[in-house]
């Protein structure tokens, strides 16, 4: 199977696009692909429980997609700079295979992936 990197930079203000990125990642994982997600900018809000009920039109609920991804082997990378600028700390990562990362990690993940999708 292939390796997918899904880079999401859209946050709760655009719920359809944000949820779509997570839905596509969950779908790739369900089909047996290896999935990593890099959340940057406003997308770091998506891991906050405060935004679990964000729902896109026809793209589903953020919390449901995150549960599916976490139940599988998906790995989350969050822009450390984006998270810090929005007041988040290590607590945001709890319960997931997740870590803060810098842009060089995004570049490395993209280089190693068979497919890169951005939302």
PDB file of N, CA and C in Angstrom:
ATOM      1  N   UNK A   1       0.824  -1.186   0.000  1.00  0.00           N
ATOM      2  CA  UNK A   1       0.000   0.000   0.000  1.00  0.00           C
ATOM      3  C   UNK A   1       0.873   1.256   0.000  1.00  0.00           C
ATOM      4  N   UNK A   2       0.245   2.379  -0.240  1.00  0.00           N
ATOM      5  CA  UNK A   2       0.942   3.660  -0.350  1.00  0.00           C
ATOM      6  C   UNK A   2       0.998   4.398   0.983  1.00  0.00           C
ATOM      7  N   UNK A   3       1.882   5.393   1.028  1.00  0.00           N
ATOM      8  CA  UNK A   3       1.936   6.289   2.172  1.00  0.00           C
ATOM      9  C   UNK A   3       1.317   7.626   1.763  1.00  0.00           C
ATOM     10  N   UNK A   4       0.429   8.121   2.597  1.00  0.00           N
ATOM     11  CA  UNK A   4      -0.259   9.381   2.362  1.00  0.00           C
ATOM     12  C   UNK A   4       0.152  10.396   3.411  1.00  0.00           C
ATOM     13  N   UNK A   5       0.393  11.612   2.983  1.00  0.00           N
ATOM     14  CA  UNK A   5       0.534  12.752   3.874  1.00  0.00           C
ATOM     15  C   UNK A   5      -0.619  13.685   3.549  1.00  0.00           C
ATOM     16  N   UNK A   6      -1.406  14.001   4.569  1.00  0.00           N
ATOM     17  CA  UNK A   6      -2.496  14.955   4.397  1.00  0.00           C
ATOM     18  C   UNK A   6      -2.130  16.184   5.219  1.00  0.00           C
ATOM     19  N   UNK A   7      -1.900  17.281   4.525  1.00  0.00           N
ATOM     20  CA  UNK A   7      -1.520  18.549   5.160  1.00  0.00           C
ATOM     21  C   UNK A   7      -2.773  19.413   5.239  1.00  0.00           C
ATOM     22  N   UNK A   8      -3.205  19.675   6.462  1.00  0.00           N
ATOM     23  CA  UNK A   8      -4.409  20.480   6.656  1.00  0.00           C
ATOM     24  C   UNK A   8      -4.001  21.803   7.304  1.00  0.00           C
ATOM     25  N   UNK A   9      -4.419  22.895   6.689  1.00  0.00           N
ATOM     26  CA  UNK A   9      -4.152  24.224   7.237  1.00  0.00           C
ATOM     27  C   UNK A   9      -5.446  25.000   7.422  1.00  0.00           C
ATOM     28  N   UNK A  10      -6.571  24.374   7.111  1.00  0.00           N
ATOM     29  CA  UNK A  10      -7.882  24.978   7.255  1.00  0.00           C
ATOM     30  C   UNK A  10      -8.456  24.616   8.620  1.00  0.00           C
ATOM     31  N   UNK A  11      -9.036  25.592   9.296  1.00  0.00           N
ATOM     32  CA  UNK A  11      -9.568  25.362  10.631  1.00  0.00           C
ATOM     33  C   UNK A  11     -11.081  25.349  10.686  1.00  0.00           C
ATOM     34  N   UNK A  12     -11.622  25.440  11.890  1.00  0.00           N
ATOM     35  CA  UNK A  12     -13.061  25.359  12.117  1.00  0.00           C
ATOM     36  C   UNK A  12     -13.890  26.434  11.409  1.00  0.00           C
ATOM     37  N   UNK A  13     -13.284  27.529  11.007  1.00  0.00           N
ATOM     38  CA  UNK A  13     -14.031  28.579  10.308  1.00  0.00           C
ATOM     39  C   UNK A  13     -14.532  28.105   8.942  1.00  0.00           C
ATOM     40  N   UNK A  14     -13.895  27.074   8.381  1.00  0.00           N
ATOM     41  CA  UNK A  14     -14.332  26.465   7.118  1.00  0.00           C
ATOM     42  C   UNK A  14     -14.543  24.971   7.395  1.00  0.00           C
ATOM     43  N   UNK A  15     -15.644  24.632   8.075  1.00  0.00           N
ATOM     44  CA  UNK A  15     -15.835  23.264   8.541  1.00  0.00           C
ATOM     45  C   UNK A  15     -15.892  22.221   7.433  1.00  0.00           C
ATOM     46  N   UNK A  16     -16.440  22.567   6.294  1.00  0.00           N
ATOM     47  CA  UNK A  16     -16.547  21.589   5.215  1.00  0.00           C
ATOM     48  C   UNK A  16     -15.167  21.183   4.703  1.00  0.00           C
ATOM     49  N   UNK A  17     -14.306  22.151   4.471  1.00  0.00           N
ATOM     50  CA  UNK A  17     -12.971  21.857   3.967  1.00  0.00           C
ATOM     51  C   UNK A  17     -12.111  21.174   5.035  1.00  0.00           C
ATOM     52  N   UNK A  18     -12.203  21.634   6.278  1.00  0.00           N
ATOM     53  CA  UNK A  18     -11.418  21.030   7.356  1.00  0.00           C
ATOM     54  C   UNK A  18     -11.818  19.572   7.561  1.00  0.00           C
ATOM     55  N   UNK A  19     -13.119  19.311   7.625  1.00  0.00           N
ATOM     56  CA  UNK A  19     -13.592  17.938   7.810  1.00  0.00           C
ATOM     57  C   UNK A  19     -13.267  17.074   6.595  1.00  0.00           C
ATOM     58  N   UNK A  20     -13.279  17.662   5.411  1.00  0.00           N
ATOM     59  CA  UNK A  20     -12.952  16.905   4.199  1.00  0.00           C
ATOM     60  C   UNK A  20     -11.532  16.362   4.256  1.00  0.00           C
ATOM     61  N   UNK A  21     -10.593  17.178   4.700  1.00  0.00           N
ATOM     62  CA  UNK A  21      -9.219  16.700   4.821  1.00  0.00           C
ATOM     63  C   UNK A  21      -9.121  15.504   5.749  1.00  0.00           C
ATOM     64  N   UNK A  22      -9.822  15.570   6.866  1.00  0.00           N
ATOM     65  CA  UNK A  22      -9.811  14.456   7.823  1.00  0.00           C
ATOM     66  C   UNK A  22     -10.531  13.236   7.254  1.00  0.00           C
ATOM     67  N   UNK A  23     -11.638  13.456   6.542  1.00  0.00           N
ATOM     68  CA  UNK A  23     -12.384  12.362   5.926  1.00  0.00           C
ATOM     69  C   UNK A  23     -11.528  11.621   4.901  1.00  0.00           C
ATOM     70  N   UNK A  24     -10.827  12.361   4.076  1.00  0.00           N
ATOM     71  CA  UNK A  24      -9.967  11.737   3.066  1.00  0.00           C
ATOM     72  C   UNK A  24      -8.845  10.942   3.738  1.00  0.00           C
ATOM     73  N   UNK A  25      -8.255  11.509   4.782  1.00  0.00           N
ATOM     74  CA  UNK A  25      -7.204  10.787   5.514  1.00  0.00           C
ATOM     75  C   UNK A  25      -7.758   9.501   6.122  1.00  0.00           C
ATOM     76  N   UNK A  26      -8.939   9.579   6.736  1.00  0.00           N
ATOM     77  CA  UNK A  26      -9.557   8.394   7.340  1.00  0.00           C
ATOM     78  C   UNK A  26      -9.914   7.355   6.280  1.00  0.00           C
ATOM     79  N   UNK A  27     -10.336   7.809   5.121  1.00  0.00           N
ATOM     80  CA  UNK A  27     -10.671   6.898   4.032  1.00  0.00           C
ATOM     81  C   UNK A  27      -9.423   6.179   3.527  1.00  0.00           C
ATOM     82  N   UNK A  28      -8.334   6.913   3.358  1.00  0.00           N
ATOM     83  CA  UNK A  28      -7.073   6.285   2.923  1.00  0.00           C
ATOM     84  C   UNK A  28      -6.625   5.243   3.945  1.00  0.00           C
ATOM     85  N   UNK A  29      -6.739   5.587   5.221  1.00  0.00           N
ATOM     86  CA  UNK A  29      -6.343   4.643   6.274  1.00  0.00           C
ATOM     87  C   UNK A  29      -7.236   3.405   6.244  1.00  0.00           C
ATOM     88  N   UNK A  30      -8.541   3.606   6.084  1.00  0.00           N
ATOM     89  CA  UNK A  30      -9.492   2.493   6.037  1.00  0.00           C
ATOM     90  C   UNK A  30      -9.193   1.547   4.883  1.00  0.00           C
ATOM     91  N   UNK A  31      -8.658   2.107   3.799  1.00  0.00           N
ATOM     92  CA  UNK A  31      -8.319   1.298   2.633  1.00  0.00           C
ATOM     93  C   UNK A  31      -6.945   0.650   2.752  1.00  0.00           C
ATOM     94  N   UNK A  32      -6.304   0.815   3.911  1.00  0.00           N
ATOM     95  CA  UNK A  32      -5.046   0.116   4.175  1.00  0.00           C
ATOM     96  C   UNK A  32      -3.780   0.904   3.940  1.00  0.00           C
ATOM     97  N   UNK A  33      -3.892   2.160   3.606  1.00  0.00           N
ATOM     98  CA  UNK A  33      -2.718   2.989   3.373  1.00  0.00           C
ATOM     99  C   UNK A  33      -2.158   3.510   4.704  1.00  0.00           C
ATOM    100  N   UNK A  34      -0.884   3.807   4.712  1.00  0.00           N
ATOM    101  CA  UNK A  34      -0.240   4.446   5.855  1.00  0.00           C
ATOM    102  C   UNK A  34      -0.519   5.941   5.760  1.00  0.00           C
ATOM    103  N   UNK A  35      -1.003   6.541   6.868  1.00  0.00           N
ATOM    104  CA  UNK A  35      -1.432   7.938   6.826  1.00  0.00           C
ATOM    105  C   UNK A  35      -0.741   8.750   7.917  1.00  0.00           C
ATOM    106  N   UNK A  36      -0.187   9.891   7.510  1.00  0.00           N
ATOM    107  CA  UNK A  36       0.305  10.907   8.430  1.00  0.00           C
ATOM    108  C   UNK A  36      -0.437  12.189   8.115  1.00  0.00           C
ATOM    109  N   UNK A  37      -0.686  12.973   9.157  1.00  0.00           N
ATOM    110  CA  UNK A  37      -1.325  14.270   8.978  1.00  0.00           C
ATOM    111  C   UNK A  37      -0.430  15.340   9.563  1.00  0.00           C
ATOM    112  N   UNK A  38      -0.300  16.445   8.861  1.00  0.00           N
ATOM    113  CA  UNK A  38       0.413  17.610   9.373  1.00  0.00           C
ATOM    114  C   UNK A  38      -0.596  18.732   9.440  1.00  0.00           C
ATOM    115  N   UNK A  39      -0.902  19.176  10.667  1.00  0.00           N
ATOM    116  CA  UNK A  39      -1.852  20.259  10.884  1.00  0.00           C
ATOM    117  C   UNK A  39      -1.090  21.535  11.203  1.00  0.00           C
ATOM    118  N   UNK A  40      -1.384  22.576  10.442  1.00  0.00           N
ATOM    119  CA  UNK A  40      -0.698  23.861  10.624  1.00  0.00           C
ATOM    120  C   UNK A  40      -1.725  24.985  10.576  1.00  0.00           C
ATOM    121  N   UNK A  41      -1.308  26.159  10.995  1.00  0.00           N
ATOM    122  CA  UNK A  41      -2.192  27.322  10.974  1.00  0.00           C
ATOM    123  C   UNK A  41      -3.439  27.061  11.797  1.00  0.00           C
ATOM    124  N   UNK A  42      -4.571  27.447  11.271  1.00  0.00           N
ATOM    125  CA  UNK A  42      -5.844  27.305  11.980  1.00  0.00           C
ATOM    126  C   UNK A  42      -6.238  25.850  12.209  1.00  0.00           C
ATOM    127  N   UNK A  43      -5.652  24.928  11.469  1.00  0.00           N
ATOM    128  CA  UNK A  43      -6.003  23.505  11.610  1.00  0.00           C
ATOM    129  C   UNK A  43      -5.615  22.926  12.964  1.00  0.00           C
ATOM    130  N   UNK A  44      -4.688  23.552  13.682  1.00  0.00           N
ATOM    131  CA  UNK A  44      -4.332  23.002  14.998  1.00  0.00           C
ATOM    132  C   UNK A  44      -5.541  23.019  15.933  1.00  0.00           C
ATOM    133  N   UNK A  45      -6.490  23.895  15.696  1.00  0.00           N
ATOM    134  CA  UNK A  45      -7.708  23.931  16.513  1.00  0.00           C
ATOM    135  C   UNK A  45      -8.499  22.622  16.406  1.00  0.00           C
ATOM    136  N   UNK A  46      -8.362  21.906  15.312  1.00  0.00           N
ATOM    137  CA  UNK A  46      -9.169  20.713  15.084  1.00  0.00           C
ATOM    138  C   UNK A  46      -8.928  19.622  16.123  1.00  0.00           C
ATOM    139  N   UNK A  47      -7.760  19.592  16.743  1.00  0.00           N
ATOM    140  CA  UNK A  47      -7.495  18.582  17.771  1.00  0.00           C
ATOM    141  C   UNK A  47      -8.062  18.952  19.131  1.00  0.00           C
ATOM    142  N   UNK A  48      -8.529  20.156  19.285  1.00  0.00           N
ATOM    143  CA  UNK A  48      -9.111  20.596  20.554  1.00  0.00           C
ATOM    144  C   UNK A  48     -10.511  20.006  20.709  1.00  0.00           C
ATOM    145  N   UNK A  49     -10.795  19.489  21.901  1.00  0.00           N
ATOM    146  CA  UNK A  49     -12.140  18.961  22.193  1.00  0.00           C
ATOM    147  C   UNK A  49     -13.217  20.013  21.956  1.00  0.00           C
ATOM    148  N   UNK A  50     -12.868  21.278  22.066  1.00  0.00           N
ATOM    149  CA  UNK A  50     -13.821  22.359  21.832  1.00  0.00           C
ATOM    150  C   UNK A  50     -14.366  22.360  20.405  1.00  0.00           C
ATOM    151  N   UNK A  51     -13.658  21.689  19.496  1.00  0.00           N
ATOM    152  CA  UNK A  51     -14.058  21.697  18.092  1.00  0.00           C
ATOM    153  C   UNK A  51     -14.455  20.318  17.571  1.00  0.00           C
ATOM    154  N   UNK A  52     -14.657  19.361  18.457  1.00  0.00           N
ATOM    155  CA  UNK A  52     -15.012  17.996  18.042  1.00  0.00           C
ATOM    156  C   UNK A  52     -16.335  17.958  17.289  1.00  0.00           C
ATOM    157  N   UNK A  53     -17.254  18.850  17.617  1.00  0.00           N
ATOM    158  CA  UNK A  53     -18.565  18.837  16.967  1.00  0.00           C
ATOM    159  C   UNK A  53     -18.626  19.638  15.671  1.00  0.00           C
ATOM    160  N   UNK A  54     -17.523  20.215  15.262  1.00  0.00           N
ATOM    161  CA  UNK A  54     -17.496  20.915  13.975  1.00  0.00           C
ATOM    162  C   UNK A  54     -17.857  19.903  12.889  1.00  0.00           C
ATOM    163  N   UNK A  55     -18.826  20.262  12.061  1.00  0.00           N
ATOM    164  CA  UNK A  55     -19.323  19.339  11.042  1.00  0.00           C
ATOM    165  C   UNK A  55     -19.405  20.047   9.697  1.00  0.00           C
ATOM    166  N   UNK A  56     -18.830  19.422   8.700  1.00  0.00           N
ATOM    167  CA  UNK A  56     -18.878  19.973   7.354  1.00  0.00           C
ATOM    168  C   UNK A  56     -20.112  19.494   6.612  1.00  0.00           C
ATOM    169  N   UNK A  57     -20.545  20.258   5.633  1.00  0.00           N
ATOM    170  CA  UNK A  57     -21.691  19.852   4.822  1.00  0.00           C
ATOM    171  C   UNK A  57     -21.270  18.703   3.916  1.00  0.00           C
ATOM    172  N   UNK A  58     -21.757  17.518   4.243  1.00  0.00           N
ATOM    173  CA  UNK A  58     -21.445  16.341   3.445  1.00  0.00           C
ATOM    174  C   UNK A  58     -20.076  15.756   3.704  1.00  0.00           C
ATOM    175  N   UNK A  59     -19.317  16.329   4.637  1.00  0.00           N
ATOM    176  CA  UNK A  59     -17.965  15.815   4.902  1.00  0.00           C
ATOM    177  C   UNK A  59     -17.805  15.276   6.316  1.00  0.00           C
ATOM    178  N   UNK A  60     -18.862  15.322   7.109  1.00  0.00           N
ATOM    179  CA  UNK A  60     -18.842  14.672   8.410  1.00  0.00           C
ATOM    180  C   UNK A  60     -18.360  15.533   9.561  1.00  0.00           C
ATOM    181  N   UNK A  61     -18.331  14.884  10.720  1.00  0.00           N
ATOM    182  CA  UNK A  61     -17.980  15.519  11.989  1.00  0.00           C
ATOM    183  C   UNK A  61     -16.496  15.334  12.282  1.00  0.00           C
ATOM    184  N   UNK A  62     -15.824  16.398  12.634  1.00  0.00           N
ATOM    185  CA  UNK A  62     -14.387  16.375  12.921  1.00  0.00           C
ATOM    186  C   UNK A  62     -14.056  15.323  13.979  1.00  0.00           C
ATOM    187  N   UNK A  63     -14.803  15.306  15.083  1.00  0.00           N
ATOM    188  CA  UNK A  63     -14.526  14.356  16.158  1.00  0.00           C
ATOM    189  C   UNK A  63     -14.607  12.910  15.712  1.00  0.00           C
ATOM    190  N   UNK A  64     -15.555  12.586  14.841  1.00  0.00           N
ATOM    191  CA  UNK A  64     -15.687  11.210  14.343  1.00  0.00           C
ATOM    192  C   UNK A  64     -14.477  10.819  13.499  1.00  0.00           C
ATOM    193  N   UNK A  65     -14.037  11.732  12.649  1.00  0.00           N
ATOM    194  CA  UNK A  65     -12.865  11.443  11.808  1.00  0.00           C
ATOM    195  C   UNK A  65     -11.611  11.280  12.660  1.00  0.00           C
ATOM    196  N   UNK A  66     -11.459  12.135  13.672  1.00  0.00           N
ATOM    197  CA  UNK A  66     -10.287  12.035  14.544  1.00  0.00           C
ATOM    198  C   UNK A  66     -10.281  10.724  15.317  1.00  0.00           C
ATOM    199  N   UNK A  67     -11.459  10.280  15.763  1.00  0.00           N
ATOM    200  CA  UNK A  67     -11.549   8.993  16.460  1.00  0.00           C
ATOM    201  C   UNK A  67     -11.131   7.852  15.548  1.00  0.00           C
ATOM    202  N   UNK A  68     -11.609   7.861  14.319  1.00  0.00           N
ATOM    203  CA  UNK A  68     -11.256   6.811  13.362  1.00  0.00           C
ATOM    204  C   UNK A  68      -9.760   6.820  13.074  1.00  0.00           C
ATOM    205  N   UNK A  69      -9.198   7.991  12.885  1.00  0.00           N
ATOM    206  CA  UNK A  69      -7.768   8.093  12.599  1.00  0.00           C
ATOM    207  C   UNK A  69      -6.932   7.648  13.797  1.00  0.00           C
ATOM    208  N   UNK A  70      -7.359   8.040  14.992  1.00  0.00           N
ATOM    209  CA  UNK A  70      -6.619   7.665  16.197  1.00  0.00           C
ATOM    210  C   UNK A  70      -6.718   6.174  16.472  1.00  0.00           C
ATOM    211  N   UNK A  71      -7.851   5.570  16.141  1.00  0.00           N
ATOM    212  CA  UNK A  71      -8.034   4.129  16.349  1.00  0.00           C
ATOM    213  C   UNK A  71      -7.139   3.322  15.416  1.00  0.00           C
ATOM    214  N   UNK A  72      -6.799   3.906  14.288  1.00  0.00           N
ATOM    215  CA  UNK A  72      -5.890   3.257  13.344  1.00  0.00           C
ATOM    216  C   UNK A  72      -4.463   3.661  13.667  1.00  0.00           C
ATOM    217  N   UNK A  73      -3.640   3.611  12.681  1.00  0.00           N
ATOM    218  CA  UNK A  73      -2.219   3.898  12.885  1.00  0.00           C
ATOM    219  C   UNK A  73      -1.819   5.287  12.396  1.00  0.00           C
ATOM    220  N   UNK A  74      -2.782   6.186  12.258  1.00  0.00           N
ATOM    221  CA  UNK A  74      -2.460   7.530  11.768  1.00  0.00           C
ATOM    222  C   UNK A  74      -1.570   8.262  12.763  1.00  0.00           C
ATOM    223  N   UNK A  75      -0.637   9.001  12.221  1.00  0.00           N
ATOM    224  CA  UNK A  75       0.296   9.793  13.033  1.00  0.00           C
ATOM    225  C   UNK A  75       0.022  11.262  12.754  1.00  0.00           C
ATOM    226  N   UNK A  76      -0.095  12.056  13.837  1.00  0.00           N
ATOM    227  CA  UNK A  76      -0.378  13.478  13.730  1.00  0.00           C
ATOM    228  C   UNK A  76       0.868  14.296  14.043  1.00  0.00           C
ATOM    229  N   UNK A  77       1.141  15.259  13.199  1.00  0.00           N
ATOM    230  CA  UNK A  77       2.200  16.245  13.419  1.00  0.00           C
ATOM    231  C   UNK A  77       1.511  17.602  13.414  1.00  0.00           C
ATOM    232  N   UNK A  78       1.768  18.390  14.432  1.00  0.00           N
ATOM    233  CA  UNK A  78       1.181  19.719  14.525  1.00  0.00           C
ATOM    234  C   UNK A  78       2.280  20.758  14.487  1.00  0.00           C
ATOM    235  N   UNK A  79       2.043  21.799  13.745  1.00  0.00           N
ATOM    236  CA  UNK A  79       3.002  22.886  13.731  1.00  0.00           C
ATOM    237  C   UNK A  79       3.136  23.423  15.147  1.00  0.00           C
ATOM    238  N   UNK A  80       4.325  23.320  15.693  1.00  0.00           N
ATOM    239  CA  UNK A  80       4.568  23.825  17.033  1.00  0.00           C
ATOM    240  C   UNK A  80       4.392  25.332  17.107  1.00  0.00           C
ATOM    241  N   UNK A  81       4.810  26.014  16.059  1.00  0.00           N
ATOM    242  CA  UNK A  81       4.668  27.470  16.034  1.00  0.00           C
ATOM    243  C   UNK A  81       3.197  27.885  15.965  1.00  0.00           C
ATOM    244  N   UNK A  82       2.417  27.186  15.148  1.00  0.00           N
ATOM    245  CA  UNK A  82       0.988  27.492  15.031  1.00  0.00           C
ATOM    246  C   UNK A  82       0.265  27.230  16.343  1.00  0.00           C
ATOM    247  N   UNK A  83       0.590  26.111  16.973  1.00  0.00           N
ATOM    248  CA  UNK A  83      -0.058  25.757  18.237  1.00  0.00           C
ATOM    249  C   UNK A  83       0.266  26.775  19.323  1.00  0.00           C
ATOM    250  N   UNK A  84       1.540  27.116  19.444  1.00  0.00           N
ATOM    251  CA  UNK A  84       1.953  28.074  20.471  1.00  0.00           C
ATOM    252  C   UNK A  84       1.284  29.429  20.254  1.00  0.00           C
ATOM    253  N   UNK A  85       1.214  29.870  19.011  1.00  0.00           N
ATOM    254  CA  UNK A  85       0.612  31.166  18.698  1.00  0.00           C
ATOM    255  C   UNK A  85      -0.877  31.199  19.034  1.00  0.00           C
ATOM    256  N   UNK A  86      -1.494  30.005  19.128  1.00  0.00           N
ATOM    257  CA  UNK A  86      -2.926  29.916  19.425  1.00  0.00           C
ATOM    258  C   UNK A  86      -3.192  29.450  20.854  1.00  0.00           C
ATOM    259  N   UNK A  87      -2.142  29.419  21.670  1.00  0.00           N
ATOM    260  CA  UNK A  87      -2.298  29.137  23.082  1.00  0.00           C
ATOM    261  C   UNK A  87      -2.356  27.672  23.477  1.00  0.00           C
ATOM    262  N   UNK A  88      -1.943  26.774  22.612  1.00  0.00           N
ATOM    263  CA  UNK A  88      -1.971  25.349  22.930  1.00  0.00           C
ATOM    264  C   UNK A  88      -0.623  24.871  23.449  1.00  0.00           C
ATOM    265  N   UNK A  89      -0.686  23.826  24.283  1.00  0.00           N
ATOM    266  CA  UNK A  89       0.532  23.189  24.790  1.00  0.00           C
ATOM    267  C   UNK A  89       0.412  21.678  24.591  1.00  0.00           C
ATOM    268  N   UNK A  90       1.254  20.904  25.273  1.00  0.00           N
ATOM    269  CA  UNK A  90       1.297  19.444  25.121  1.00  0.00           C
ATOM    270  C   UNK A  90      -0.051  18.771  25.378  1.00  0.00           C
ATOM    271  N   UNK A  91      -0.920  19.376  26.160  1.00  0.00           N
ATOM    272  CA  UNK A  91      -2.223  18.781  26.460  1.00  0.00           C
ATOM    273  C   UNK A  91      -3.032  18.525  25.183  1.00  0.00           C
ATOM    274  N   UNK A  92      -2.805  19.305  24.161  1.00  0.00           N
ATOM    275  CA  UNK A  92      -3.519  19.145  22.896  1.00  0.00           C
ATOM    276  C   UNK A  92      -3.211  17.805  22.235  1.00  0.00           C
ATOM    277  N   UNK A  93      -2.057  17.238  22.520  1.00  0.00           N
ATOM    278  CA  UNK A  93      -1.615  16.011  21.879  1.00  0.00           C
ATOM    279  C   UNK A  93      -2.112  14.747  22.580  1.00  0.00           C
ATOM    280  N   UNK A  94      -2.652  14.885  23.768  1.00  0.00           N
ATOM    281  CA  UNK A  94      -3.029  13.745  24.601  1.00  0.00           C
ATOM    282  C   UNK A  94      -3.983  12.789  23.886  1.00  0.00           C
ATOM    283  N   UNK A  95      -3.704  11.503  24.041  1.00  0.00           N
ATOM    284  CA  UNK A  95      -4.586  10.477  23.505  1.00  0.00           C
ATOM    285  C   UNK A  95      -4.381  10.132  22.048  1.00  0.00           C
ATOM    286  N   UNK A  96      -3.371  10.713  21.416  1.00  0.00           N
ATOM    287  CA  UNK A  96      -3.112  10.441  19.997  1.00  0.00           C
ATOM    288  C   UNK A  96      -1.627  10.195  19.780  1.00  0.00           C
ATOM    289  N   UNK A  97      -1.327   9.539  18.686  1.00  0.00           N
ATOM    290  CA  UNK A  97       0.060   9.438  18.238  1.00  0.00           C
ATOM    291  C   UNK A  97       0.361  10.782  17.596  1.00  0.00           C
ATOM    292  N   UNK A  98       0.836  11.718  18.397  1.00  0.00           N
ATOM    293  CA  UNK A  98       0.986  13.086  17.916  1.00  0.00           C
ATOM    294  C   UNK A  98       2.207  13.749  18.527  1.00  0.00           C
ATOM    295  N   UNK A  99       2.741  14.710  17.781  1.00  0.00           N
ATOM    296  CA  UNK A  99       3.869  15.493  18.278  1.00  0.00           C
ATOM    297  C   UNK A  99       3.878  16.845  17.582  1.00  0.00           C
ATOM    298  N   UNK A 100       4.502  17.811  18.244  1.00  0.00           N
ATOM    299  CA  UNK A 100       4.723  19.099  17.604  1.00  0.00           C
ATOM    300  C   UNK A 100       5.910  18.967  16.656  1.00  0.00           C
ATOM    301  N   UNK A 101       5.845  19.672  15.548  1.00  0.00           N
ATOM    302  CA  UNK A 101       6.896  19.579  14.544  1.00  0.00           C
ATOM    303  C   UNK A 101       7.097  20.936  13.878  1.00  0.00           C
ATOM    304  N   UNK A 102       8.233  21.069  13.265  1.00  0.00           N
ATOM    305  CA  UNK A 102       8.602  22.294  12.561  1.00  0.00           C
ATOM    306  C   UNK A 102       8.471  22.070  11.051  1.00  0.00           C
ATOM    307  N   UNK A 103       8.605  23.120  10.253  1.00  0.00           N
ATOM    308  CA  UNK A 103       8.457  22.978   8.803  1.00  0.00           C
ATOM    309  C   UNK A 103       9.396  21.952   8.169  1.00  0.00           C
ATOM    310  N   UNK A 104      10.579  21.748   8.749  1.00  0.00           N
ATOM    311  CA  UNK A 104      11.483  20.755   8.155  1.00  0.00           C
ATOM    312  C   UNK A 104      10.883  19.346   8.210  1.00  0.00           C
ATOM    313  N   UNK A 105      10.069  19.061   9.236  1.00  0.00           N
ATOM    314  CA  UNK A 105       9.397  17.753   9.316  1.00  0.00           C
ATOM    315  C   UNK A 105       8.353  17.631   8.220  1.00  0.00           C
ATOM    316  N   UNK A 106       7.612  18.708   7.944  1.00  0.00           N
ATOM    317  CA  UNK A 106       6.642  18.694   6.851  1.00  0.00           C
ATOM    318  C   UNK A 106       7.333  18.390   5.526  1.00  0.00           C
ATOM    319  N   UNK A 107       8.453  19.022   5.289  1.00  0.00           N
ATOM    320  CA  UNK A 107       9.202  18.789   4.054  1.00  0.00           C
ATOM    321  C   UNK A 107       9.655  17.330   3.972  1.00  0.00           C
ATOM    322  N   UNK A 108      10.168  16.790   5.069  1.00  0.00           N
ATOM    323  CA  UNK A 108      10.622  15.398   5.082  1.00  0.00           C
ATOM    324  C   UNK A 108       9.456  14.430   4.864  1.00  0.00           C
ATOM    325  N   UNK A 109       8.338  14.686   5.494  1.00  0.00           N
ATOM    326  CA  UNK A 109       7.166  13.829   5.316  1.00  0.00           C
ATOM    327  C   UNK A 109       6.673  13.866   3.873  1.00  0.00           C
ATOM    328  N   UNK A 110       6.642  15.052   3.292  1.00  0.00           N
ATOM    329  CA  UNK A 110       6.199  15.186   1.904  1.00  0.00           C
ATOM    330  C   UNK A 110       7.158  14.455   0.963  1.00  0.00           C
ATOM    331  N   UNK A 111       8.436  14.562   1.233  1.00  0.00           N
ATOM    332  CA  UNK A 111       9.435  13.903   0.399  1.00  0.00           C
ATOM    333  C   UNK A 111       9.292  12.375   0.456  1.00  0.00           C
ATOM    334  N   UNK A 112       8.939  11.865   1.613  1.00  0.00           N
ATOM    335  CA  UNK A 112       8.845  10.410   1.803  1.00  0.00           C
ATOM    336  C   UNK A 112       7.500   9.829   1.361  1.00  0.00           C
ATOM    337  N   UNK A 113       6.482  10.650   1.233  1.00  0.00           N
ATOM    338  CA  UNK A 113       5.131  10.165   0.925  1.00  0.00           C
ATOM    339  C   UNK A 113       4.974   9.822  -0.558  1.00  0.00           C
ATOM    340  N   UNK A 114       4.112   8.844  -0.811  1.00  0.00           N
ATOM    341  CA  UNK A 114       3.739   8.543  -2.196  1.00  0.00           C
ATOM    342  C   UNK A 114       2.732   9.554  -2.704  1.00  0.00           C
ATOM    343  N   UNK A 115       1.868  10.020  -1.805  1.00  0.00           N
ATOM    344  CA  UNK A 115       0.818  10.967  -2.150  1.00  0.00           C
ATOM    345  C   UNK A 115       0.725  12.043  -1.094  1.00  0.00           C
ATOM    346  N   UNK A 116       0.657  13.299  -1.532  1.00  0.00           N
ATOM    347  CA  UNK A 116       0.487  14.431  -0.613  1.00  0.00           C
ATOM    348  C   UNK A 116      -0.773  15.171  -1.023  1.00  0.00           C
ATOM    349  N   UNK A 117      -1.659  15.351  -0.051  1.00  0.00           N
ATOM    350  CA  UNK A 117      -2.906  16.085  -0.283  1.00  0.00           C
ATOM    351  C   UNK A 117      -2.972  17.252   0.683  1.00  0.00           C
ATOM    352  N   UNK A 118      -3.474  18.389   0.232  1.00  0.00           N
ATOM    353  CA  UNK A 118      -3.528  19.585   1.075  1.00  0.00           C
ATOM    354  C   UNK A 118      -4.948  20.126   1.123  1.00  0.00           C
ATOM    355  N   UNK A 119      -5.355  20.493   2.333  1.00  0.00           N
ATOM    356  CA  UNK A 119      -6.692  21.045   2.554  1.00  0.00           C
ATOM    357  C   UNK A 119      -6.603  22.274   3.419  1.00  0.00           C
TER     358      UNK A 119
END
